[in-house]
Amino acid sequence: PAVGDAELSESPELVRPNPPDPKLVEVAKNSASSDELESIQQTTPVEEIAPEVELAPPAEPPGPGDPEDRQAEP
């Protein structure tokens, strides 16, 4: 048998990962919270960035009388 076949027939040994240090978990949670807060505070509405631009209305699905629907029918 080839070397690759022997490797495939053996089942791999499962190794559990080490849990993260609780101090690191706490720091990461606090860091994420402050980053989210900063990004919310720094977000500027589109109306303030470009007040002269008119935003398009939200898209609506085509209705039964729309031309796209009639072309799709056989």
PDB file of N, CA and C in Angstrom:
ATOM      1  N   PRO A   1       0.829  -1.203   0.000  1.00  0.00           N
ATOM      2  CA  PRO A   1       0.000   0.000   0.000  1.00  0.00           C
ATOM      3  C   PRO A   1       0.866   1.256   0.000  1.00  0.00           C
ATOM      4  N   ALA A   2       0.326   2.287  -0.558  1.00  0.00           N
ATOM      5  CA  ALA A   2       1.043   3.558  -0.638  1.00  0.00           C
ATOM      6  C   ALA A   2       1.067   4.227   0.728  1.00  0.00           C
ATOM      7  N   VAL A   3       1.987   5.153   0.892  1.00  0.00           N
ATOM      8  CA  VAL A   3       2.122   5.856   2.169  1.00  0.00           C
ATOM      9  C   VAL A   3       0.847   6.628   2.489  1.00  0.00           C
ATOM     10  N   GLY A   4       0.221   7.254   1.490  1.00  0.00           N
ATOM     11  CA  GLY A   4      -1.000   8.034   1.703  1.00  0.00           C
ATOM     12  C   GLY A   4      -2.152   7.177   2.204  1.00  0.00           C
ATOM     13  N   ASP A   5      -2.246   5.918   1.719  1.00  0.00           N
ATOM     14  CA  ASP A   5      -3.332   5.039   2.146  1.00  0.00           C
ATOM     15  C   ASP A   5      -3.234   4.703   3.627  1.00  0.00           C
ATOM     16  N   ALA A   6      -2.026   4.482   4.109  1.00  0.00           N
ATOM     17  CA  ALA A   6      -1.839   4.143   5.517  1.00  0.00           C
ATOM     18  C   ALA A   6      -2.244   5.307   6.411  1.00  0.00           C
ATOM     19  N   GLU A   7      -1.949   6.514   5.952  1.00  0.00           N
ATOM     20  CA  GLU A   7      -2.294   7.688   6.752  1.00  0.00           C
ATOM     21  C   GLU A   7      -3.807   7.883   6.821  1.00  0.00           C
ATOM     22  N   LEU A   8      -4.510   7.579   5.731  1.00  0.00           N
ATOM     23  CA  LEU A   8      -5.954   7.786   5.694  1.00  0.00           C
ATOM     24  C   LEU A   8      -6.707   6.762   6.539  1.00  0.00           C
ATOM     25  N   SER A   9      -6.163   5.553   6.687  1.00  0.00           N
ATOM     26  CA  SER A   9      -6.877   4.517   7.421  1.00  0.00           C
ATOM     27  C   SER A   9      -6.870   4.757   8.932  1.00  0.00           C
ATOM     28  N   GLU A  10      -5.884   5.513   9.422  1.00  0.00           N
ATOM     29  CA  GLU A  10      -5.831   5.793  10.852  1.00  0.00           C
ATOM     30  C   GLU A  10      -6.757   6.960  11.189  1.00  0.00           C
ATOM     31  N   SER A  11      -7.471   6.828  12.298  1.00  0.00           N
ATOM     32  CA  SER A  11      -8.334   7.941  12.694  1.00  0.00           C
ATOM     33  C   SER A  11      -7.499   8.989  13.428  1.00  0.00           C
ATOM     34  N   PRO A  12      -7.703  10.257  13.122  1.00  0.00           N
ATOM     35  CA  PRO A  12      -6.904  11.295  13.785  1.00  0.00           C
ATOM     36  C   PRO A  12      -7.266  11.420  15.258  1.00  0.00           C
ATOM     37  N   GLU A  13      -6.284  11.760  16.052  1.00  0.00           N
ATOM     38  CA  GLU A  13      -6.503  11.945  17.480  1.00  0.00           C
ATOM     39  C   GLU A  13      -7.062  13.345  17.711  1.00  0.00           C
ATOM     40  N   LEU A  14      -8.148  13.429  18.422  1.00  0.00           N
ATOM     41  CA  LEU A  14      -8.759  14.726  18.700  1.00  0.00           C
ATOM     42  C   LEU A  14      -8.070  15.378  19.885  1.00  0.00           C
ATOM     43  N   VAL A  15      -7.729  16.628  19.735  1.00  0.00           N
ATOM     44  CA  VAL A  15      -7.058  17.375  20.793  1.00  0.00           C
ATOM     45  C   VAL A  15      -7.922  18.576  21.133  1.00  0.00           C
ATOM     46  N   ARG A  16      -8.304  18.680  22.390  1.00  0.00           N
ATOM     47  CA  ARG A  16      -9.126  19.816  22.810  1.00  0.00           C
ATOM     48  C   ARG A  16      -8.267  21.075  22.891  1.00  0.00           C
ATOM     49  N   PRO A  17      -8.810  22.205  22.425  1.00  0.00           N
ATOM     50  CA  PRO A  17      -8.048  23.448  22.531  1.00  0.00           C
ATOM     51  C   PRO A  17      -7.993  23.923  23.980  1.00  0.00           C
ATOM     52  N   ASN A  18      -6.947  24.643  24.303  1.00  0.00           N
ATOM     53  CA  ASN A  18      -6.843  25.207  25.646  1.00  0.00           C
ATOM     54  C   ASN A  18      -7.824  26.366  25.769  1.00  0.00           C
ATOM     55  N   PRO A  19      -8.543  26.453  26.879  1.00  0.00           N
ATOM     56  CA  PRO A  19      -9.467  27.584  27.039  1.00  0.00           C
ATOM     57  C   PRO A  19      -8.681  28.886  27.174  1.00  0.00           C
ATOM     58  N   PRO A  20      -9.245  29.999  26.684  1.00  0.00           N
ATOM     59  CA  PRO A  20      -8.533  31.275  26.807  1.00  0.00           C
ATOM     60  C   PRO A  20      -8.471  31.734  28.255  1.00  0.00           C
ATOM     61  N   ASP A  21      -7.474  32.521  28.553  1.00  0.00           N
ATOM     62  CA  ASP A  21      -7.297  33.083  29.889  1.00  0.00           C
ATOM     63  C   ASP A  21      -8.490  33.993  30.191  1.00  0.00           C
ATOM     64  N   PRO A  22      -9.177  33.821  31.328  1.00  0.00           N
ATOM     65  CA  PRO A  22     -10.338  34.660  31.657  1.00  0.00           C
ATOM     66  C   PRO A  22     -10.026  36.158  31.627  1.00  0.00           C
ATOM     67  N   LYS A  23      -8.802  36.533  31.989  1.00  0.00           N
ATOM     68  CA  LYS A  23      -8.433  37.952  31.946  1.00  0.00           C
ATOM     69  C   LYS A  23      -8.456  38.472  30.510  1.00  0.00           C
ATOM     70  N   LEU A  24      -7.962  37.644  29.577  1.00  0.00           N
ATOM     71  CA  LEU A  24      -7.965  38.048  28.175  1.00  0.00           C
ATOM     72  C   LEU A  24      -9.385  38.161  27.635  1.00  0.00           C
ATOM     73  N   VAL A  25     -10.251  37.246  28.054  1.00  0.00           N
ATOM     74  CA  VAL A  25     -11.645  37.294  27.618  1.00  0.00           C
ATOM     75  C   VAL A  25     -12.297  38.588  28.091  1.00  0.00           C
ATOM     76  N   GLU A  26     -12.062  38.963  29.335  1.00  0.00           N
ATOM     77  CA  GLU A  26     -12.645  40.187  29.894  1.00  0.00           C
ATOM     78  C   GLU A  26     -12.132  41.422  29.158  1.00  0.00           C
ATOM     79  N   VAL A  27     -10.833  41.460  28.895  1.00  0.00           N
ATOM     80  CA  VAL A  27     -10.253  42.598  28.174  1.00  0.00           C
ATOM     81  C   VAL A  27     -10.840  42.684  26.764  1.00  0.00           C
ATOM     82  N   ALA A  28     -11.006  41.541  26.112  1.00  0.00           N
ATOM     83  CA  ALA A  28     -11.562  41.533  24.762  1.00  0.00           C
ATOM     84  C   ALA A  28     -13.000  42.039  24.757  1.00  0.00           C
ATOM     85  N   LYS A  29     -13.789  41.636  25.752  1.00  0.00           N
ATOM     86  CA  LYS A  29     -15.174  42.114  25.839  1.00  0.00           C
ATOM     87  C   LYS A  29     -15.212  43.623  26.032  1.00  0.00           C
ATOM     88  N   ASN A  30     -14.385  44.125  26.923  1.00  0.00           N
ATOM     89  CA  ASN A  30     -14.353  45.566  27.176  1.00  0.00           C
ATOM     90  C   ASN A  30     -13.872  46.324  25.947  1.00  0.00           C
ATOM     91  N   SER A  31     -12.900  45.777  25.251  1.00  0.00           N
ATOM     92  CA  SER A  31     -12.362  46.416  24.054  1.00  0.00           C
ATOM     93  C   SER A  31     -13.429  46.476  22.965  1.00  0.00           C
ATOM     94  N   ALA A  32     -14.166  45.385  22.771  1.00  0.00           N
ATOM     95  CA  ALA A  32     -15.209  45.364  21.750  1.00  0.00           C
ATOM     96  C   ALA A  32     -16.291  46.377  22.083  1.00  0.00           C
ATOM     97  N   SER A  33     -16.657  46.475  23.332  1.00  0.00           N
ATOM     98  CA  SER A  33     -17.699  47.419  23.725  1.00  0.00           C
ATOM     99  C   SER A  33     -17.271  48.851  23.447  1.00  0.00           C
ATOM    100  N   SER A  34     -16.034  49.207  23.762  1.00  0.00           N
ATOM    101  CA  SER A  34     -15.584  50.575  23.540  1.00  0.00           C
ATOM    102  C   SER A  34     -15.419  50.859  22.052  1.00  0.00           C
ATOM    103  N   ASP A  35     -15.000  49.860  21.256  1.00  0.00           N
ATOM    104  CA  ASP A  35     -14.883  50.052  19.811  1.00  0.00           C
ATOM    105  C   ASP A  35     -16.247  50.287  19.182  1.00  0.00           C
ATOM    106  N   GLU A  36     -17.254  49.517  19.613  1.00  0.00           N
ATOM    107  CA  GLU A  36     -18.598  49.698  19.078  1.00  0.00           C
ATOM    108  C   GLU A  36     -19.138  51.071  19.444  1.00  0.00           C
ATOM    109  N   LEU A  37     -18.890  51.508  20.660  1.00  0.00           N
ATOM    110  CA  LEU A  37     -19.359  52.813  21.104  1.00  0.00           C
ATOM    111  C   LEU A  37     -18.715  53.913  20.270  1.00  0.00           C
ATOM    112  N   GLU A  38     -17.413  53.807  20.011  1.00  0.00           N
ATOM    113  CA  GLU A  38     -16.720  54.809  19.202  1.00  0.00           C
ATOM    114  C   GLU A  38     -17.256  54.832  17.779  1.00  0.00           C
ATOM    115  N   SER A  39     -17.518  53.670  17.188  1.00  0.00           N
ATOM    116  CA  SER A  39     -18.004  53.640  15.814  1.00  0.00           C
ATOM    117  C   SER A  39     -19.405  54.230  15.722  1.00  0.00           C
ATOM    118  N   ILE A  40     -20.223  54.029  16.739  1.00  0.00           N
ATOM    119  CA  ILE A  40     -21.564  54.620  16.743  1.00  0.00           C
ATOM    120  C   ILE A  40     -21.467  56.134  16.852  1.00  0.00           C
ATOM    121  N   GLN A  41     -20.567  56.619  17.689  1.00  0.00           N
ATOM    122  CA  GLN A  41     -20.415  58.054  17.868  1.00  0.00           C
ATOM    123  C   GLN A  41     -19.826  58.711  16.627  1.00  0.00           C
ATOM    124  N   GLN A  42     -19.000  58.008  15.874  1.00  0.00           N
ATOM    125  CA  GLN A  42     -18.352  58.582  14.703  1.00  0.00           C
ATOM    126  C   GLN A  42     -19.206  58.483  13.448  1.00  0.00           C
ATOM    127  N   THR A  43     -20.305  57.772  13.475  1.00  0.00           N
ATOM    128  CA  THR A  43     -21.148  57.616  12.305  1.00  0.00           C
ATOM    129  C   THR A  43     -21.891  58.914  12.028  1.00  0.00           C
ATOM    130  N   THR A  44     -21.735  59.422  10.814  1.00  0.00           N
ATOM    131  CA  THR A  44     -22.396  60.652  10.403  1.00  0.00           C
ATOM    132  C   THR A  44     -23.510  60.284   9.436  1.00  0.00           C
ATOM    133  N   PRO A  45     -24.721  60.782   9.647  1.00  0.00           N
ATOM    134  CA  PRO A  45     -25.816  60.472   8.725  1.00  0.00           C
ATOM    135  C   PRO A  45     -25.511  60.973   7.310  1.00  0.00           C
ATOM    136  N   VAL A  46     -26.029  60.281   6.308  1.00  0.00           N
ATOM    137  CA  VAL A  46     -25.806  60.654   4.915  1.00  0.00           C
ATOM    138  C   VAL A  46     -26.299  62.070   4.652  1.00  0.00           C
ATOM    139  N   GLU A  47     -27.397  62.444   5.295  1.00  0.00           N
ATOM    140  CA  GLU A  47     -27.963  63.775   5.082  1.00  0.00           C
ATOM    141  C   GLU A  47     -26.975  64.873   5.461  1.00  0.00           C
ATOM    142  N   GLU A  48     -26.103  64.607   6.444  1.00  0.00           N
ATOM    143  CA  GLU A  48     -25.119  65.611   6.849  1.00  0.00           C
ATOM    144  C   GLU A  48     -23.906  65.605   5.926  1.00  0.00           C
ATOM    145  N   ILE A  49     -23.587  64.477   5.329  1.00  0.00           N
ATOM    146  CA  ILE A  49     -22.432  64.388   4.436  1.00  0.00           C
ATOM    147  C   ILE A  49     -22.754  65.052   3.100  1.00  0.00           C
ATOM    148  N   ALA A  50     -23.909  64.765   2.530  1.00  0.00           N
ATOM    149  CA  ALA A  50     -24.296  65.305   1.229  1.00  0.00           C
ATOM    150  C   ALA A  50     -25.758  65.737   1.280  1.00  0.00           C
ATOM    151  N   PRO A  51     -26.053  66.902   1.871  1.00  0.00           N
ATOM    152  CA  PRO A  51     -27.448  67.328   2.014  1.00  0.00           C
ATOM    153  C   PRO A  51     -28.139  67.613   0.687  1.00  0.00           C
ATOM    154  N   GLU A  52     -27.370  67.907  -0.385  1.00  0.00           N
ATOM    155  CA  GLU A  52     -27.982  68.244  -1.672  1.00  0.00           C
ATOM    156  C   GLU A  52     -28.405  67.014  -2.474  1.00  0.00           C
ATOM    157  N   VAL A  53     -27.982  65.818  -2.058  1.00  0.00           N
ATOM    158  CA  VAL A  53     -28.290  64.595  -2.788  1.00  0.00           C
ATOM    159  C   VAL A  53     -29.617  64.032  -2.309  1.00  0.00           C
ATOM    160  N   GLU A  54     -30.463  63.660  -3.283  1.00  0.00           N
ATOM    161  CA  GLU A  54     -31.751  63.055  -2.938  1.00  0.00           C
ATOM    162  C   GLU A  54     -31.593  61.536  -2.954  1.00  0.00           C
ATOM    163  N   LEU A  55     -31.959  60.894  -1.864  1.00  0.00           N
ATOM    164  CA  LEU A  55     -31.841  59.444  -1.768  1.00  0.00           C
ATOM    165  C   LEU A  55     -32.977  58.780  -2.530  1.00  0.00           C
ATOM    166  N   ALA A  56     -32.670  57.661  -3.169  1.00  0.00           N
ATOM    167  CA  ALA A  56     -33.676  56.917  -3.914  1.00  0.00           C
ATOM    168  C   ALA A  56     -34.630  56.235  -2.944  1.00  0.00           C
ATOM    169  N   PRO A  57     -35.900  56.063  -3.349  1.00  0.00           N
ATOM    170  CA  PRO A  57     -36.837  55.349  -2.478  1.00  0.00           C
ATOM    171  C   PRO A  57     -36.460  53.869  -2.414  1.00  0.00           C
ATOM    172  N   PRO A  58     -36.925  53.160  -1.388  1.00  0.00           N
ATOM    173  CA  PRO A  58     -36.605  51.731  -1.288  1.00  0.00           C
ATOM    174  C   PRO A  58     -37.189  50.961  -2.469  1.00  0.00           C
ATOM    175  N   ALA A  59     -36.499  49.916  -2.895  1.00  0.00           N
ATOM    176  CA  ALA A  59     -36.953  49.104  -4.025  1.00  0.00           C
ATOM    177  C   ALA A  59     -38.176  48.294  -3.634  1.00  0.00           C
ATOM    178  N   GLU A  60     -39.076  48.139  -4.592  1.00  0.00           N
ATOM    179  CA  GLU A  60     -40.274  47.327  -4.378  1.00  0.00           C
ATOM    180  C   GLU A  60     -40.269  46.199  -5.400  1.00  0.00           C
ATOM    181  N   PRO A  61     -40.772  45.035  -5.023  1.00  0.00           N
ATOM    182  CA  PRO A  61     -40.831  43.942  -5.997  1.00  0.00           C
ATOM    183  C   PRO A  61     -41.839  44.272  -7.095  1.00  0.00           C
ATOM    184  N   PRO A  62     -41.624  43.773  -8.330  1.00  0.00           N
ATOM    185  CA  PRO A  62     -42.571  44.063  -9.409  1.00  0.00           C
ATOM    186  C   PRO A  62     -43.939  43.465  -9.114  1.00  0.00           C
ATOM    187  N   GLY A  63     -44.967  44.183  -9.468  1.00  0.00           N
ATOM    188  CA  GLY A  63     -46.338  43.719  -9.263  1.00  0.00           C
ATOM    189  C   GLY A  63     -46.796  42.850 -10.416  1.00  0.00           C
ATOM    190  N   PRO A  64     -48.010  42.308 -10.341  1.00  0.00           N
ATOM    191  CA  PRO A  64     -48.499  41.405 -11.390  1.00  0.00           C
ATOM    192  C   PRO A  64     -48.663  42.095 -12.740  1.00  0.00           C
ATOM    193  N   GLY A  65     -48.841  43.416 -12.779  1.00  0.00           N
ATOM    194  CA  GLY A  65     -49.024  44.116 -14.044  1.00  0.00           C
ATOM    195  C   GLY A  65     -47.750  44.689 -14.617  1.00  0.00           C
ATOM    196  N   ASP A  66     -46.620  44.479 -13.987  1.00  0.00           N
ATOM    197  CA  ASP A  66     -45.362  45.050 -14.465  1.00  0.00           C
ATOM    198  C   ASP A  66     -44.852  44.291 -15.684  1.00  0.00           C
ATOM    199  N   PRO A  67     -44.185  44.980 -16.617  1.00  0.00           N
ATOM    200  CA  PRO A  67     -43.707  44.326 -17.848  1.00  0.00           C
ATOM    201  C   PRO A  67     -42.761  43.157 -17.596  1.00  0.00           C
ATOM    202  N   GLU A  68     -41.911  43.236 -16.562  1.00  0.00           N
ATOM    203  CA  GLU A  68     -40.983  42.131 -16.302  1.00  0.00           C
ATOM    204  C   GLU A  68     -41.744  40.833 -16.019  1.00  0.00           C
ATOM    205  N   ASP A  69     -42.855  40.918 -15.310  1.00  0.00           N
ATOM    206  CA  ASP A  69     -43.635  39.720 -14.994  1.00  0.00           C
ATOM    207  C   ASP A  69     -44.269  39.130 -16.250  1.00  0.00           C
ATOM    208  N   ARG A  70     -44.759  39.988 -17.143  1.00  0.00           N
ATOM    209  CA  ARG A  70     -45.424  39.495 -18.351  1.00  0.00           C
ATOM    210  C   ARG A  70     -44.425  38.818 -19.284  1.00  0.00           C
ATOM    211  N   GLN A  71     -43.173  39.309 -19.318  1.00  0.00           N
ATOM    212  CA  GLN A  71     -42.167  38.692 -20.178  1.00  0.00           C
ATOM    213  C   GLN A  71     -41.741  37.333 -19.632  1.00  0.00           C
ATOM    214  N   ALA A  72     -41.778  37.155 -18.334  1.00  0.00           N
ATOM    215  CA  ALA A  72     -41.345  35.897 -17.730  1.00  0.00           C
ATOM    216  C   ALA A  72     -42.357  34.781 -17.948  1.00  0.00           C
ATOM    217  N   GLU A  73     -43.630  35.137 -18.185  1.00  0.00           N
ATOM    218  CA  GLU A  73     -44.663  34.113 -18.371  1.00  0.00           C
ATOM    219  C   GLU A  73     -44.557  33.509 -19.768  1.00  0.00           C
ATOM    220  N   PRO A  74     -44.835  32.195 -19.932  1.00  0.00           N
ATOM    221  CA  PRO A  74     -44.771  31.559 -21.269  1.00  0.00           C
ATOM    222  C   PRO A  74     -45.926  31.957 -22.151  1.00  0.00           C
TER     223      PRO A  74
END
